[in-house]
Amino acid sequence: MTRVRIARRAVPVLWVLGMTLAFVAVASEAAADPFIPTWQPDGRIRLKGDPGFVGDDVHNATGDDQARRAKVRAGRKARFFVAFQHDGKPIDDTWVVTGAAGTPGFGVAYRVAGVDVTSAITAGTFQQTVGSAGVAPTIKAVVKVAGNATPTATKTVPVTARSLINDATDTVRAVVRVK
């Protein structure tokens, strides 16, 4: 049987080498999981009566692939439901939610849990605190078409959530066209 001997001088070198490898492993793990986690709001939207939301796991500032469209007669309303959730590592965050205001021919109103938040959302001052569970209260967006609205006129209502921690955003769109 062959016996392997390690010189006493080699032991400290091996110890330093082992500690260096351990440090490199910890440092590379920390690089993969930074102190500022990566996450962002993820908007979803549905039209009243839809079975589910669209836009889950789609992130952009334009609302592309996360929009709902409604054709509405003059004098009627379209009701949309907008929900934002965390995508990525759950963390306590606050989002600023902004949305389009009404224009001639189209009124726009926003409600959360029955409370009118229209002025705050259109002013860009409405904030939603989102816990680590990652889901914010649903926003109801109502677009009312004026009685004298021009047929085929269209109103696009983007609604955006922006993280106050890392400025990540996501936008959904409600689009109403007059029948």
N, C-alpha and C. Protein backbone atom coordinates (compact mmCIF):
# COMPACT_ATOMS: atom_id res chain seq x y z
N MET A 1 0.84 -1.17 0.00
CA MET A 1 0.00 0.00 0.00
C MET A 1 0.90 1.25 0.00
N THR A 2 0.60 2.16 -0.91
CA THR A 2 1.40 3.37 -1.02
C THR A 2 0.85 4.40 -0.05
N ARG A 3 1.74 5.05 0.60
CA ARG A 3 1.35 6.06 1.57
C ARG A 3 1.69 7.44 1.01
N VAL A 4 0.72 8.39 1.09
CA VAL A 4 0.96 9.74 0.60
C VAL A 4 1.25 10.64 1.78
N ARG A 5 2.32 11.37 1.68
CA ARG A 5 2.67 12.29 2.74
C ARG A 5 2.59 13.71 2.20
N ILE A 6 2.05 14.55 3.01
CA ILE A 6 1.99 15.97 2.64
C ILE A 6 2.93 16.70 3.57
N ALA A 7 3.79 17.44 2.98
CA ALA A 7 4.76 18.18 3.78
C ALA A 7 4.04 19.20 4.64
N ARG A 8 4.61 19.45 5.80
CA ARG A 8 3.99 20.40 6.72
C ARG A 8 3.87 21.79 6.10
N ARG A 9 4.79 22.13 5.23
CA ARG A 9 4.72 23.45 4.57
C ARG A 9 3.54 23.51 3.61
N ALA A 10 3.07 22.41 3.09
CA ALA A 10 1.98 22.40 2.11
C ALA A 10 0.62 22.61 2.76
N VAL A 11 0.48 22.28 4.03
CA VAL A 11 -0.82 22.39 4.70
C VAL A 11 -1.34 23.84 4.68
N PRO A 12 -0.56 24.84 5.06
CA PRO A 12 -1.09 26.22 4.98
C PRO A 12 -1.44 26.63 3.55
N VAL A 13 -0.68 26.18 2.58
CA VAL A 13 -0.98 26.51 1.18
C VAL A 13 -2.30 25.88 0.77
N LEU A 14 -2.51 24.62 1.15
CA LEU A 14 -3.77 23.96 0.83
C LEU A 14 -4.95 24.65 1.53
N TRP A 15 -4.74 25.08 2.77
CA TRP A 15 -5.79 25.77 3.51
C TRP A 15 -6.16 27.08 2.81
N VAL A 16 -5.18 27.87 2.40
CA VAL A 16 -5.42 29.13 1.69
C VAL A 16 -6.13 28.86 0.36
N LEU A 17 -5.70 27.83 -0.35
CA LEU A 17 -6.34 27.47 -1.61
C LEU A 17 -7.82 27.10 -1.38
N GLY A 18 -8.07 26.32 -0.36
CA GLY A 18 -9.45 25.93 -0.03
C GLY A 18 -10.30 27.13 0.33
N MET A 19 -9.77 28.04 1.13
CA MET A 19 -10.52 29.25 1.52
C MET A 19 -10.76 30.15 0.31
N THR A 20 -9.80 30.23 -0.58
CA THR A 20 -9.96 31.04 -1.79
C THR A 20 -11.09 30.48 -2.66
N LEU A 21 -11.12 29.17 -2.82
CA LEU A 21 -12.19 28.55 -3.60
C LEU A 21 -13.55 28.76 -2.94
N ALA A 22 -13.60 28.68 -1.62
CA ALA A 22 -14.86 28.90 -0.91
C ALA A 22 -15.32 30.35 -1.09
N PHE A 23 -14.38 31.30 -1.01
CA PHE A 23 -14.73 32.71 -1.19
C PHE A 23 -15.26 32.97 -2.60
N VAL A 24 -14.60 32.38 -3.60
CA VAL A 24 -15.04 32.55 -4.98
C VAL A 24 -16.45 31.99 -5.16
N ALA A 25 -16.75 30.86 -4.55
CA ALA A 25 -18.08 30.26 -4.65
C ALA A 25 -19.13 31.17 -4.02
N VAL A 26 -18.83 31.73 -2.85
CA VAL A 26 -19.78 32.63 -2.18
C VAL A 26 -19.95 33.91 -2.99
N ALA A 27 -18.85 34.46 -3.51
CA ALA A 27 -18.92 35.69 -4.29
C ALA A 27 -19.73 35.49 -5.57
N SER A 28 -19.56 34.35 -6.24
CA SER A 28 -20.33 34.13 -7.47
C SER A 28 -21.80 33.93 -7.15
N GLU A 29 -22.11 33.32 -6.01
CA GLU A 29 -23.51 33.17 -5.61
C GLU A 29 -24.12 34.53 -5.31
N ALA A 30 -23.35 35.41 -4.66
CA ALA A 30 -23.84 36.76 -4.36
C ALA A 30 -24.08 37.55 -5.64
N ALA A 31 -23.24 37.33 -6.64
CA ALA A 31 -23.44 38.03 -7.92
C ALA A 31 -24.73 37.58 -8.58
N ALA A 32 -25.09 36.32 -8.41
CA ALA A 32 -26.33 35.80 -8.99
C ALA A 32 -27.55 36.26 -8.20
N ASP A 33 -27.36 36.62 -6.93
CA ASP A 33 -28.46 37.05 -6.07
C ASP A 33 -28.06 38.38 -5.42
N PRO A 34 -28.08 39.48 -6.18
CA PRO A 34 -27.60 40.76 -5.66
C PRO A 34 -28.48 41.28 -4.53
N PHE A 35 -27.95 42.25 -3.80
CA PHE A 35 -28.70 42.84 -2.69
C PHE A 35 -29.95 43.56 -3.18
N ILE A 36 -29.88 44.17 -4.35
CA ILE A 36 -31.06 44.79 -4.95
C ILE A 36 -31.64 43.76 -5.91
N PRO A 37 -32.72 43.09 -5.50
CA PRO A 37 -33.26 42.01 -6.32
C PRO A 37 -33.87 42.53 -7.61
N THR A 38 -33.98 41.64 -8.57
CA THR A 38 -34.61 42.01 -9.83
C THR A 38 -36.08 41.60 -9.76
N TRP A 39 -36.95 42.54 -9.95
CA TRP A 39 -38.38 42.30 -9.98
C TRP A 39 -39.01 43.47 -10.70
N GLN A 40 -40.27 43.34 -10.98
CA GLN A 40 -40.95 44.47 -11.58
C GLN A 40 -42.45 44.26 -11.52
N PRO A 41 -43.20 45.35 -11.65
CA PRO A 41 -44.64 45.19 -11.73
C PRO A 41 -45.00 44.45 -13.02
N ASP A 42 -46.03 43.64 -12.92
CA ASP A 42 -46.54 42.92 -14.09
C ASP A 42 -48.03 43.21 -14.17
N GLY A 43 -48.42 43.98 -15.18
CA GLY A 43 -49.82 44.36 -15.33
C GLY A 43 -50.63 43.34 -16.09
N ARG A 44 -51.87 43.23 -15.70
CA ARG A 44 -52.84 42.36 -16.38
C ARG A 44 -54.12 43.16 -16.48
N ILE A 45 -54.90 42.89 -17.53
CA ILE A 45 -56.14 43.62 -17.74
C ILE A 45 -57.21 42.68 -18.27
N ARG A 46 -58.43 42.95 -17.86
CA ARG A 46 -59.56 42.21 -18.41
C ARG A 46 -60.74 43.16 -18.55
N LEU A 47 -61.60 42.84 -19.47
CA LEU A 47 -62.84 43.57 -19.70
C LEU A 47 -63.91 42.90 -18.85
N LYS A 48 -64.84 43.68 -18.31
CA LYS A 48 -65.91 43.09 -17.52
C LYS A 48 -66.58 41.99 -18.35
N GLY A 49 -66.73 40.83 -17.75
CA GLY A 49 -67.32 39.69 -18.44
C GLY A 49 -66.29 38.72 -18.99
N ASP A 50 -65.03 39.14 -19.11
CA ASP A 50 -63.97 38.23 -19.57
C ASP A 50 -63.71 37.19 -18.49
N PRO A 51 -63.38 35.98 -18.90
CA PRO A 51 -63.09 34.95 -17.90
C PRO A 51 -61.74 35.12 -17.20
N GLY A 52 -60.82 35.82 -17.84
CA GLY A 52 -59.50 35.99 -17.23
C GLY A 52 -58.78 37.21 -17.75
N PHE A 53 -57.63 37.46 -17.18
CA PHE A 53 -56.80 38.61 -17.54
C PHE A 53 -55.88 38.27 -18.71
N VAL A 54 -55.46 39.30 -19.45
CA VAL A 54 -54.40 39.17 -20.45
C VAL A 54 -53.23 40.04 -19.99
N GLY A 55 -52.04 39.67 -20.45
CA GLY A 55 -50.86 40.46 -20.14
C GLY A 55 -49.96 39.87 -19.08
N ASP A 56 -50.34 38.72 -18.52
CA ASP A 56 -49.51 38.12 -17.48
C ASP A 56 -48.14 37.75 -18.06
N ASP A 57 -47.09 38.14 -17.36
CA ASP A 57 -45.70 37.86 -17.75
C ASP A 57 -45.28 38.56 -19.04
N VAL A 58 -45.99 39.61 -19.43
CA VAL A 58 -45.59 40.46 -20.55
C VAL A 58 -45.20 41.81 -19.95
N HIS A 59 -44.03 42.30 -20.29
CA HIS A 59 -43.55 43.55 -19.71
C HIS A 59 -43.13 44.51 -20.81
N ASN A 60 -43.78 45.66 -20.88
CA ASN A 60 -43.36 46.70 -21.81
C ASN A 60 -44.03 48.01 -21.41
N ALA A 61 -43.56 49.07 -21.99
CA ALA A 61 -44.09 50.40 -21.68
C ALA A 61 -45.20 50.83 -22.62
N THR A 62 -45.53 49.99 -23.60
CA THR A 62 -46.52 50.38 -24.61
C THR A 62 -47.88 49.72 -24.43
N GLY A 63 -47.93 48.65 -23.67
CA GLY A 63 -49.17 47.90 -23.53
C GLY A 63 -49.38 46.89 -24.65
N ASP A 64 -48.39 46.73 -25.52
CA ASP A 64 -48.51 45.72 -26.59
C ASP A 64 -48.65 44.34 -25.97
N ASP A 65 -49.56 43.54 -26.51
CA ASP A 65 -49.84 42.19 -26.04
C ASP A 65 -50.41 42.16 -24.63
N GLN A 66 -50.86 43.29 -24.14
CA GLN A 66 -51.53 43.36 -22.84
C GLN A 66 -52.58 44.46 -22.88
N ALA A 67 -53.48 44.30 -23.84
CA ALA A 67 -54.55 45.28 -24.05
C ALA A 67 -55.88 44.56 -24.24
N ARG A 68 -56.93 45.24 -23.85
CA ARG A 68 -58.29 44.74 -24.10
C ARG A 68 -59.03 45.83 -24.86
N ARG A 69 -59.86 45.42 -25.79
CA ARG A 69 -60.61 46.34 -26.65
C ARG A 69 -62.09 46.12 -26.45
N ALA A 70 -62.83 47.23 -26.52
CA ALA A 70 -64.29 47.15 -26.40
C ALA A 70 -64.91 48.09 -27.42
N LYS A 71 -66.01 47.64 -28.04
CA LYS A 71 -66.81 48.50 -28.91
C LYS A 71 -68.04 48.89 -28.10
N VAL A 72 -68.26 50.20 -27.99
CA VAL A 72 -69.30 50.71 -27.11
C VAL A 72 -70.17 51.72 -27.85
N ARG A 73 -71.45 51.64 -27.65
CA ARG A 73 -72.37 52.62 -28.24
C ARG A 73 -72.26 53.96 -27.51
N ALA A 74 -72.57 55.03 -28.22
CA ALA A 74 -72.57 56.37 -27.61
C ALA A 74 -73.49 56.36 -26.40
N GLY A 75 -73.04 57.00 -25.33
CA GLY A 75 -73.83 57.08 -24.10
C GLY A 75 -73.63 55.88 -23.17
N ARG A 76 -72.82 54.90 -23.55
CA ARG A 76 -72.60 53.70 -22.73
C ARG A 76 -71.19 53.69 -22.14
N LYS A 77 -70.93 52.69 -21.28
CA LYS A 77 -69.64 52.56 -20.61
C LYS A 77 -68.99 51.22 -20.91
N ALA A 78 -67.68 51.21 -20.81
CA ALA A 78 -66.90 49.97 -20.82
C ALA A 78 -66.16 49.91 -19.49
N ARG A 79 -66.18 48.74 -18.87
CA ARG A 79 -65.53 48.56 -17.57
C ARG A 79 -64.36 47.59 -17.72
N PHE A 80 -63.20 48.06 -17.27
CA PHE A 80 -61.99 47.26 -17.33
C PHE A 80 -61.46 47.06 -15.92
N PHE A 81 -60.79 45.95 -15.71
CA PHE A 81 -60.16 45.67 -14.42
C PHE A 81 -58.67 45.48 -14.65
N VAL A 82 -57.88 46.25 -13.90
CA VAL A 82 -56.43 46.25 -14.04
C VAL A 82 -55.83 45.75 -12.73
N ALA A 83 -54.95 44.78 -12.83
CA ALA A 83 -54.28 44.26 -11.64
C ALA A 83 -52.78 44.19 -11.91
N PHE A 84 -52.01 44.63 -10.92
CA PHE A 84 -50.55 44.53 -11.02
C PHE A 84 -50.06 43.58 -9.94
N GLN A 85 -49.07 42.80 -10.32
CA GLN A 85 -48.45 41.87 -9.38
C GLN A 85 -46.94 41.93 -9.57
N HIS A 86 -46.20 41.40 -8.58
CA HIS A 86 -44.74 41.30 -8.71
C HIS A 86 -44.40 40.19 -9.68
N ASP A 87 -43.41 40.41 -10.50
CA ASP A 87 -42.74 39.34 -11.23
C ASP A 87 -41.31 39.35 -10.75
N GLY A 88 -40.82 38.22 -10.36
CA GLY A 88 -39.47 38.13 -9.82
C GLY A 88 -39.53 37.89 -8.33
N LYS A 89 -38.46 38.27 -7.66
CA LYS A 89 -38.35 38.04 -6.22
C LYS A 89 -39.36 38.90 -5.47
N PRO A 90 -40.20 38.29 -4.62
CA PRO A 90 -41.17 39.10 -3.88
C PRO A 90 -40.49 39.98 -2.85
N ILE A 91 -40.94 41.21 -2.79
CA ILE A 91 -40.35 42.19 -1.89
C ILE A 91 -41.40 43.26 -1.61
N ASP A 92 -41.34 43.88 -0.46
CA ASP A 92 -42.23 45.01 -0.18
C ASP A 92 -41.81 46.17 -1.08
N ASP A 93 -42.77 46.75 -1.75
CA ASP A 93 -42.48 47.82 -2.70
C ASP A 93 -43.68 48.76 -2.73
N THR A 94 -43.49 49.91 -3.29
CA THR A 94 -44.57 50.84 -3.54
C THR A 94 -44.52 51.19 -5.01
N TRP A 95 -45.69 51.15 -5.65
CA TRP A 95 -45.80 51.48 -7.06
C TRP A 95 -46.58 52.76 -7.21
N VAL A 96 -46.14 53.60 -8.14
CA VAL A 96 -46.92 54.76 -8.54
C VAL A 96 -47.70 54.33 -9.77
N VAL A 97 -49.02 54.47 -9.71
CA VAL A 97 -49.88 54.07 -10.82
C VAL A 97 -50.40 55.33 -11.49
N THR A 98 -50.21 55.40 -12.80
CA THR A 98 -50.72 56.53 -13.58
C THR A 98 -51.62 56.00 -14.69
N GLY A 99 -52.58 56.82 -15.06
CA GLY A 99 -53.49 56.44 -16.12
C GLY A 99 -53.98 57.66 -16.87
N ALA A 100 -54.50 57.43 -18.07
CA ALA A 100 -54.98 58.52 -18.92
C ALA A 100 -56.23 59.15 -18.33
N ALA A 101 -56.35 60.43 -18.55
CA ALA A 101 -57.55 61.18 -18.14
C ALA A 101 -58.57 61.16 -19.28
N GLY A 102 -59.76 61.60 -18.97
CA GLY A 102 -60.79 61.71 -19.99
C GLY A 102 -60.46 62.79 -21.01
N THR A 103 -61.09 62.70 -22.16
CA THR A 103 -60.93 63.68 -23.22
C THR A 103 -62.32 63.97 -23.78
N PRO A 104 -62.47 65.00 -24.61
CA PRO A 104 -63.79 65.26 -25.18
C PRO A 104 -64.35 64.01 -25.86
N GLY A 105 -65.54 63.63 -25.48
CA GLY A 105 -66.18 62.45 -26.03
C GLY A 105 -66.00 61.20 -25.19
N PHE A 106 -65.02 61.23 -24.26
CA PHE A 106 -64.74 60.06 -23.43
C PHE A 106 -64.41 60.48 -22.00
N GLY A 107 -65.19 59.99 -21.06
CA GLY A 107 -64.86 60.19 -19.66
C GLY A 107 -64.11 58.97 -19.16
N VAL A 108 -63.17 59.17 -18.25
CA VAL A 108 -62.42 58.06 -17.66
C VAL A 108 -62.43 58.24 -16.15
N ALA A 109 -62.76 57.16 -15.45
CA ALA A 109 -62.77 57.17 -13.98
C ALA A 109 -62.09 55.90 -13.48
N TYR A 110 -61.45 56.03 -12.31
CA TYR A 110 -60.75 54.90 -11.70
C TYR A 110 -61.24 54.72 -10.27
N ARG A 111 -61.42 53.47 -9.86
CA ARG A 111 -61.84 53.15 -8.50
C ARG A 111 -61.02 51.98 -7.98
N VAL A 112 -60.73 52.03 -6.69
CA VAL A 112 -60.08 50.93 -5.99
C VAL A 112 -60.88 50.64 -4.74
N ALA A 113 -61.39 49.43 -4.62
CA ALA A 113 -62.20 49.03 -3.47
C ALA A 113 -63.36 50.00 -3.25
N GLY A 114 -63.96 50.46 -4.34
CA GLY A 114 -65.11 51.35 -4.26
C GLY A 114 -64.79 52.81 -4.03
N VAL A 115 -63.52 53.15 -3.89
CA VAL A 115 -63.10 54.54 -3.64
C VAL A 115 -62.64 55.16 -4.95
N ASP A 116 -63.14 56.37 -5.24
CA ASP A 116 -62.75 57.08 -6.46
C ASP A 116 -61.31 57.58 -6.30
N VAL A 117 -60.43 57.12 -7.17
CA VAL A 117 -59.02 57.53 -7.14
C VAL A 117 -58.62 58.18 -8.47
N THR A 118 -59.60 58.66 -9.21
CA THR A 118 -59.36 59.21 -10.54
C THR A 118 -58.35 60.35 -10.52
N SER A 119 -58.53 61.33 -9.64
CA SER A 119 -57.64 62.49 -9.65
C SER A 119 -56.21 62.08 -9.31
N ALA A 120 -56.02 61.15 -8.40
CA ALA A 120 -54.67 60.72 -8.03
C ALA A 120 -54.01 59.94 -9.17
N ILE A 121 -54.75 59.06 -9.83
CA ILE A 121 -54.17 58.28 -10.92
C ILE A 121 -53.84 59.17 -12.11
N THR A 122 -54.72 60.07 -12.47
CA THR A 122 -54.43 60.93 -13.62
C THR A 122 -53.35 61.97 -13.32
N ALA A 123 -53.17 62.30 -12.05
CA ALA A 123 -52.10 63.24 -11.66
C ALA A 123 -50.76 62.54 -11.47
N GLY A 124 -50.77 61.20 -11.45
CA GLY A 124 -49.53 60.46 -11.23
C GLY A 124 -49.09 60.43 -9.79
N THR A 125 -50.04 60.58 -8.85
CA THR A 125 -49.68 60.58 -7.43
C THR A 125 -50.28 59.39 -6.68
N PHE A 126 -50.99 58.51 -7.37
CA PHE A 126 -51.59 57.36 -6.71
C PHE A 126 -50.53 56.30 -6.44
N GLN A 127 -50.45 55.86 -5.19
CA GLN A 127 -49.46 54.86 -4.84
C GLN A 127 -50.15 53.62 -4.27
N GLN A 128 -49.63 52.47 -4.65
CA GLN A 128 -50.07 51.19 -4.11
C GLN A 128 -48.89 50.54 -3.41
N THR A 129 -49.07 50.22 -2.15
CA THR A 129 -48.04 49.49 -1.42
C THR A 129 -48.29 48.01 -1.66
N VAL A 130 -47.24 47.33 -2.06
CA VAL A 130 -47.35 45.93 -2.41
C VAL A 130 -46.45 45.14 -1.47
N GLY A 131 -47.05 44.26 -0.70
CA GLY A 131 -46.29 43.43 0.22
C GLY A 131 -45.58 42.32 -0.50
N SER A 132 -44.88 41.50 0.25
CA SER A 132 -44.11 40.42 -0.35
C SER A 132 -45.01 39.35 -0.98
N ALA A 133 -46.31 39.38 -0.68
CA ALA A 133 -47.24 38.46 -1.36
C ALA A 133 -47.31 38.82 -2.84
N GLY A 134 -47.06 40.09 -3.16
CA GLY A 134 -46.87 40.47 -4.54
C GLY A 134 -48.08 40.88 -5.35
N VAL A 135 -49.23 41.05 -4.73
CA VAL A 135 -50.42 41.40 -5.50
C VAL A 135 -51.00 42.70 -4.95
N ALA A 136 -51.28 43.64 -5.83
CA ALA A 136 -51.88 44.91 -5.44
C ALA A 136 -53.39 44.84 -5.66
N PRO A 137 -54.16 45.68 -4.97
CA PRO A 137 -55.61 45.70 -5.19
C PRO A 137 -55.95 46.04 -6.65
N THR A 138 -57.03 45.45 -7.13
CA THR A 138 -57.47 45.65 -8.51
C THR A 138 -58.01 47.06 -8.69
N ILE A 139 -57.69 47.64 -9.83
CA ILE A 139 -58.17 48.97 -10.20
C ILE A 139 -59.27 48.80 -11.23
N LYS A 140 -60.39 49.43 -10.99
CA LYS A 140 -61.49 49.41 -11.96
C LYS A 140 -61.40 50.70 -12.78
N ALA A 141 -61.27 50.56 -14.08
CA ALA A 141 -61.21 51.71 -14.99
C ALA A 141 -62.50 51.71 -15.81
N VAL A 142 -63.23 52.81 -15.74
CA VAL A 142 -64.49 52.93 -16.47
C VAL A 142 -64.34 54.02 -17.52
N VAL A 143 -64.61 53.65 -18.77
CA VAL A 143 -64.55 54.61 -19.88
C VAL A 143 -65.98 54.82 -20.37
N LYS A 144 -66.45 56.07 -20.22
CA LYS A 144 -67.81 56.40 -20.64
C LYS A 144 -67.76 57.18 -21.94
N VAL A 145 -68.51 56.67 -22.91
CA VAL A 145 -68.57 57.32 -24.22
C VAL A 145 -69.70 58.37 -24.17
N ALA A 146 -69.40 59.58 -24.60
CA ALA A 146 -70.39 60.65 -24.61
C ALA A 146 -71.52 60.32 -25.58
N GLY A 147 -72.69 60.84 -25.29
CA GLY A 147 -73.86 60.60 -26.13
C GLY A 147 -73.70 61.11 -27.55
N ASN A 148 -72.87 62.14 -27.71
CA ASN A 148 -72.66 62.72 -29.04
C ASN A 148 -71.33 62.31 -29.67
N ALA A 149 -70.74 61.23 -29.18
CA ALA A 149 -69.44 60.78 -29.69
C ALA A 149 -69.55 60.35 -31.15
N THR A 150 -68.52 60.66 -31.89
CA THR A 150 -68.45 60.31 -33.30
C THR A 150 -68.27 58.81 -33.48
N PRO A 151 -69.08 58.18 -34.31
CA PRO A 151 -68.88 56.75 -34.57
C PRO A 151 -67.45 56.49 -35.07
N THR A 152 -66.89 55.41 -34.64
CA THR A 152 -65.52 54.95 -34.92
C THR A 152 -64.44 55.74 -34.16
N ALA A 153 -64.84 56.74 -33.36
CA ALA A 153 -63.83 57.43 -32.53
C ALA A 153 -63.26 56.42 -31.53
N THR A 154 -61.99 56.60 -31.19
CA THR A 154 -61.31 55.65 -30.31
C THR A 154 -60.62 56.39 -29.17
N LYS A 155 -60.69 55.78 -28.00
CA LYS A 155 -59.98 56.29 -26.82
C LYS A 155 -59.09 55.17 -26.29
N THR A 156 -57.80 55.45 -26.17
CA THR A 156 -56.86 54.49 -25.60
C THR A 156 -56.48 54.97 -24.20
N VAL A 157 -56.59 54.07 -23.24
CA VAL A 157 -56.32 54.40 -21.84
C VAL A 157 -55.18 53.52 -21.34
N PRO A 158 -53.94 54.03 -21.39
CA PRO A 158 -52.84 53.26 -20.81
C PRO A 158 -52.83 53.43 -19.29
N VAL A 159 -52.53 52.36 -18.59
CA VAL A 159 -52.37 52.40 -17.13
C VAL A 159 -51.01 51.77 -16.83
N THR A 160 -50.17 52.52 -16.11
CA THR A 160 -48.79 52.11 -15.86
C THR A 160 -48.51 52.06 -14.37
N ALA A 161 -47.78 51.03 -13.94
CA ALA A 161 -47.26 50.95 -12.58
C ALA A 161 -45.74 51.07 -12.66
N ARG A 162 -45.17 51.90 -11.76
CA ARG A 162 -43.72 52.10 -11.71
C ARG A 162 -43.25 51.86 -10.28
N SER A 163 -42.25 50.99 -10.13
CA SER A 163 -41.67 50.70 -8.82
C SER A 163 -40.89 51.91 -8.32
N LEU A 164 -41.10 52.28 -7.06
CA LEU A 164 -40.31 53.36 -6.48
C LEU A 164 -38.91 52.91 -6.10
N ILE A 165 -38.69 51.61 -6.01
CA ILE A 165 -37.38 51.11 -5.62
C ILE A 165 -36.43 51.02 -6.81
N ASN A 166 -36.90 50.44 -7.92
CA ASN A 166 -35.97 50.25 -9.04
C ASN A 166 -36.47 50.84 -10.36
N ASP A 167 -37.54 51.61 -10.34
CA ASP A 167 -38.08 52.30 -11.52
C ASP A 167 -38.57 51.36 -12.62
N ALA A 168 -38.69 50.08 -12.36
CA ALA A 168 -39.22 49.16 -13.37
C ALA A 168 -40.70 49.49 -13.59
N THR A 169 -41.16 49.37 -14.84
CA THR A 169 -42.55 49.70 -15.16
C THR A 169 -43.20 48.61 -15.99
N ASP A 170 -44.50 48.66 -16.01
CA ASP A 170 -45.28 47.85 -16.94
C ASP A 170 -46.56 48.61 -17.22
N THR A 171 -47.04 48.48 -18.47
CA THR A 171 -48.22 49.21 -18.92
C THR A 171 -49.21 48.25 -19.54
N VAL A 172 -50.48 48.47 -19.22
CA VAL A 172 -51.57 47.78 -19.91
C VAL A 172 -52.43 48.86 -20.59
N ARG A 173 -53.25 48.44 -21.56
CA ARG A 173 -54.09 49.41 -22.27
C ARG A 173 -55.53 48.95 -22.34
N ALA A 174 -56.42 49.89 -22.10
CA ALA A 174 -57.85 49.70 -22.37
C ALA A 174 -58.15 50.53 -23.60
N VAL A 175 -58.78 49.94 -24.59
CA VAL A 175 -59.08 50.64 -25.84
C VAL A 175 -60.58 50.57 -26.08
N VAL A 176 -61.21 51.74 -26.25
CA VAL A 176 -62.65 51.81 -26.48
C VAL A 176 -62.89 52.47 -27.84
N ARG A 177 -63.72 51.80 -28.64
CA ARG A 177 -64.08 52.34 -29.94
C ARG A 177 -65.60 52.51 -29.98
N VAL A 178 -66.04 53.65 -30.48
CA VAL A 178 -67.48 53.94 -30.55
C VAL A 178 -68.09 53.14 -31.69
N LYS A 179 -69.21 52.44 -31.38
CA LYS A 179 -69.94 51.67 -32.42
C LYS A 179 -70.69 52.61 -33.32
